[in-house]
């Protein structure tokens, strides 16, 4: 599966890389939890 990252604003591409990675991991985690709930 491919994941497309669509920032709300173009300026979000200029944020701290560490924050970007943390937000990406959180988004992935939330998506995984949602997927697990859908399977239950």
PDB file of N, CA and C in Angstrom:
ATOM      1  N   UNK A   1       0.851  -1.198   0.000  1.00  0.00           N
ATOM      2  CA  UNK A   1       0.000   0.000   0.000  1.00  0.00           C
ATOM      3  C   UNK A   1       0.885   1.246   0.000  1.00  0.00           C
ATOM      4  N   UNK A   2       0.454   2.231  -0.738  1.00  0.00           N
ATOM      5  CA  UNK A   2       1.215   3.477  -0.797  1.00  0.00           C
ATOM      6  C   UNK A   2       0.558   4.521   0.089  1.00  0.00           C
ATOM      7  N   UNK A   3       1.389   5.309   0.734  1.00  0.00           N
ATOM      8  CA  UNK A   3       0.879   6.366   1.596  1.00  0.00           C
ATOM      9  C   UNK A   3       1.263   7.711   1.000  1.00  0.00           C
ATOM     10  N   UNK A   4       0.257   8.515   0.726  1.00  0.00           N
ATOM     11  CA  UNK A   4       0.516   9.851   0.191  1.00  0.00           C
ATOM     12  C   UNK A   4       0.422  10.857   1.323  1.00  0.00           C
ATOM     13  N   UNK A   5       1.414  11.708   1.411  1.00  0.00           N
ATOM     14  CA  UNK A   5       1.437  12.719   2.468  1.00  0.00           C
ATOM     15  C   UNK A   5       0.972  14.045   1.877  1.00  0.00           C
ATOM     16  N   UNK A   6      -0.162  14.525   2.342  1.00  0.00           N
ATOM     17  CA  UNK A   6      -0.697  15.781   1.832  1.00  0.00           C
ATOM     18  C   UNK A   6      -0.770  16.785   2.967  1.00  0.00           C
ATOM     19  N   UNK A   7       0.204  17.680   3.060  1.00  0.00           N
ATOM     20  CA  UNK A   7       0.187  18.680   4.127  1.00  0.00           C
ATOM     21  C   UNK A   7      -0.971  19.655   3.954  1.00  0.00           C
ATOM     22  N   UNK A   8      -1.512  20.126   5.086  1.00  0.00           N
ATOM     23  CA  UNK A   8      -2.606  21.088   5.035  1.00  0.00           C
ATOM     24  C   UNK A   8      -2.148  22.383   4.378  1.00  0.00           C
ATOM     25  N   UNK A   9      -0.902  22.742   4.631  1.00  0.00           N
ATOM     26  CA  UNK A   9      -0.343  23.958   4.058  1.00  0.00           C
ATOM     27  C   UNK A   9       1.054  23.653   3.535  1.00  0.00           C
ATOM     28  N   UNK A  10       1.447  24.268   2.431  1.00  0.00           N
ATOM     29  CA  UNK A  10       2.782  24.022   1.872  1.00  0.00           C
ATOM     30  C   UNK A  10       3.895  24.298   2.876  1.00  0.00           C
ATOM     31  N   UNK A  11       3.657  25.227   3.806  1.00  0.00           N
ATOM     32  CA  UNK A  11       4.701  25.584   4.766  1.00  0.00           C
ATOM     33  C   UNK A  11       5.023  24.426   5.697  1.00  0.00           C
ATOM     34  N   UNK A  12       4.136  23.437   5.786  1.00  0.00           N
ATOM     35  CA  UNK A  12       4.398  22.323   6.693  1.00  0.00           C
ATOM     36  C   UNK A  12       5.587  21.489   6.231  1.00  0.00           C
ATOM     37  N   UNK A  13       5.963  21.626   4.963  1.00  0.00           N
ATOM     38  CA  UNK A  13       7.121  20.886   4.472  1.00  0.00           C
ATOM     39  C   UNK A  13       8.415  21.447   5.042  1.00  0.00           C
ATOM     40  N   UNK A  14       8.336  22.625   5.682  1.00  0.00           N
ATOM     41  CA  UNK A  14       9.539  23.273   6.205  1.00  0.00           C
ATOM     42  C   UNK A  14       9.707  23.046   7.703  1.00  0.00           C
ATOM     43  N   UNK A  15       8.910  22.146   8.266  1.00  0.00           N
ATOM     44  CA  UNK A  15       8.984  21.932   9.707  1.00  0.00           C
ATOM     45  C   UNK A  15      10.208  21.102  10.063  1.00  0.00           C
ATOM     46  N   UNK A  16      10.470  20.997  11.350  1.00  0.00           N
ATOM     47  CA  UNK A  16      11.593  20.213  11.851  1.00  0.00           C
ATOM     48  C   UNK A  16      11.439  18.752  11.414  1.00  0.00           C
ATOM     49  N   UNK A  17      12.475  18.178  10.796  1.00  0.00           N
ATOM     50  CA  UNK A  17      12.386  16.780  10.340  1.00  0.00           C
ATOM     51  C   UNK A  17      12.011  15.810  11.454  1.00  0.00           C
ATOM     52  N   UNK A  18      12.505  16.056  12.665  1.00  0.00           N
ATOM     53  CA  UNK A  18      12.180  15.168  13.781  1.00  0.00           C
ATOM     54  C   UNK A  18      10.688  15.241  14.082  1.00  0.00           C
ATOM     55  N   UNK A  19      10.143  16.456  14.106  1.00  0.00           N
ATOM     56  CA  UNK A  19       8.711  16.603  14.344  1.00  0.00           C
ATOM     57  C   UNK A  19       7.926  15.928  13.226  1.00  0.00           C
ATOM     58  N   UNK A  20       8.426  16.068  12.004  1.00  0.00           N
ATOM     59  CA  UNK A  20       7.743  15.457  10.861  1.00  0.00           C
ATOM     60  C   UNK A  20       7.686  13.943  11.023  1.00  0.00           C
ATOM     61  N   UNK A  21       8.821  13.356  11.425  1.00  0.00           N
ATOM     62  CA  UNK A  21       8.871  11.903  11.607  1.00  0.00           C
ATOM     63  C   UNK A  21       7.948  11.477  12.742  1.00  0.00           C
ATOM     64  N   UNK A  22       7.953  12.233  13.838  1.00  0.00           N
ATOM     65  CA  UNK A  22       7.087  11.880  14.972  1.00  0.00           C
ATOM     66  C   UNK A  22       5.621  11.960  14.564  1.00  0.00           C
ATOM     67  N   UNK A  23       5.257  13.005  13.825  1.00  0.00           N
ATOM     68  CA  UNK A  23       3.876  13.146  13.373  1.00  0.00           C
ATOM     69  C   UNK A  23       3.521  12.026  12.407  1.00  0.00           C
ATOM     70  N   UNK A  24       4.473  11.658  11.560  1.00  0.00           N
ATOM     71  CA  UNK A  24       4.226  10.589  10.600  1.00  0.00           C
ATOM     72  C   UNK A  24       4.008   9.269  11.321  1.00  0.00           C
ATOM     73  N   UNK A  25       4.840   9.011  12.344  1.00  0.00           N
ATOM     74  CA  UNK A  25       4.691   7.778  13.116  1.00  0.00           C
ATOM     75  C   UNK A  25       3.360   7.765  13.849  1.00  0.00           C
ATOM     76  N   UNK A  26       2.947   8.915  14.404  1.00  0.00           N
ATOM     77  CA  UNK A  26       1.679   8.987  15.113  1.00  0.00           C
ATOM     78  C   UNK A  26       0.528   8.735  14.139  1.00  0.00           C
ATOM     79  N   UNK A  27       0.614   9.338  12.960  1.00  0.00           N
ATOM     80  CA  UNK A  27      -0.437   9.143  11.966  1.00  0.00           C
ATOM     81  C   UNK A  27      -0.520   7.673  11.574  1.00  0.00           C
ATOM     82  N   UNK A  28       0.645   7.035  11.398  1.00  0.00           N
ATOM     83  CA  UNK A  28       0.671   5.624  11.036  1.00  0.00           C
ATOM     84  C   UNK A  28       0.085   4.785  12.163  1.00  0.00           C
ATOM     85  N   UNK A  29       0.429   5.148  13.402  1.00  0.00           N
ATOM     86  CA  UNK A  29      -0.073   4.415  14.562  1.00  0.00           C
ATOM     87  C   UNK A  29      -1.590   4.545  14.646  1.00  0.00           C
ATOM     88  N   UNK A  30      -2.103   5.770  14.473  1.00  0.00           N
ATOM     89  CA  UNK A  30      -3.549   5.988  14.536  1.00  0.00           C
ATOM     90  C   UNK A  30      -4.242   5.211  13.423  1.00  0.00           C
ATOM     91  N   UNK A  31      -3.643   5.190  12.235  1.00  0.00           N
ATOM     92  CA  UNK A  31      -4.235   4.466  11.113  1.00  0.00           C
ATOM     93  C   UNK A  31      -4.257   2.972  11.393  1.00  0.00           C
ATOM     94  N   UNK A  32      -3.194   2.472  12.016  1.00  0.00           N
ATOM     95  CA  UNK A  32      -3.124   1.047  12.342  1.00  0.00           C
ATOM     96  C   UNK A  32      -4.200   0.686  13.360  1.00  0.00           C
ATOM     97  N   UNK A  33      -4.383   1.533  14.374  1.00  0.00           N
ATOM     98  CA  UNK A  33      -5.417   1.271  15.376  1.00  0.00           C
ATOM     99  C   UNK A  33      -6.789   1.272  14.718  1.00  0.00           C
ATOM    100  N   UNK A  34      -7.013   2.204  13.811  1.00  0.00           N
ATOM    101  CA  UNK A  34      -8.296   2.289  13.113  1.00  0.00           C
ATOM    102  C   UNK A  34      -8.524   1.023  12.287  1.00  0.00           C
ATOM    103  N   UNK A  35      -7.481   0.552  11.620  1.00  0.00           N
ATOM    104  CA  UNK A  35      -7.596  -0.651  10.801  1.00  0.00           C
ATOM    105  C   UNK A  35      -7.917  -1.862  11.675  1.00  0.00           C
ATOM    106  N   UNK A  36      -7.289  -1.931  12.846  1.00  0.00           N
ATOM    107  CA  UNK A  36      -7.550  -3.053  13.744  1.00  0.00           C
ATOM    108  C   UNK A  36      -8.998  -3.025  14.223  1.00  0.00           C
ATOM    109  N   UNK A  37      -9.517  -1.840  14.493  1.00  0.00           N
ATOM    110  CA  UNK A  37     -10.899  -1.726  14.952  1.00  0.00           C
ATOM    111  C   UNK A  37     -11.857  -2.154  13.842  1.00  0.00           C
ATOM    112  N   UNK A  38     -11.508  -1.848  12.603  1.00  0.00           N
ATOM    113  CA  UNK A  38     -12.366  -2.209  11.479  1.00  0.00           C
ATOM    114  C   UNK A  38     -12.429  -3.726  11.314  1.00  0.00           C
ATOM    115  N   UNK A  39     -11.358  -4.414  11.661  1.00  0.00           N
ATOM    116  CA  UNK A  39     -11.311  -5.869  11.512  1.00  0.00           C
ATOM    117  C   UNK A  39     -12.035  -6.572  12.651  1.00  0.00           C
ATOM    118  N   UNK A  40     -12.171  -5.917  13.781  1.00  0.00           N
ATOM    119  CA  UNK A  40     -12.818  -6.546  14.932  1.00  0.00           C
ATOM    120  C   UNK A  40     -14.332  -6.518  14.790  1.00  0.00           C
TER     121      UNK A  40
END
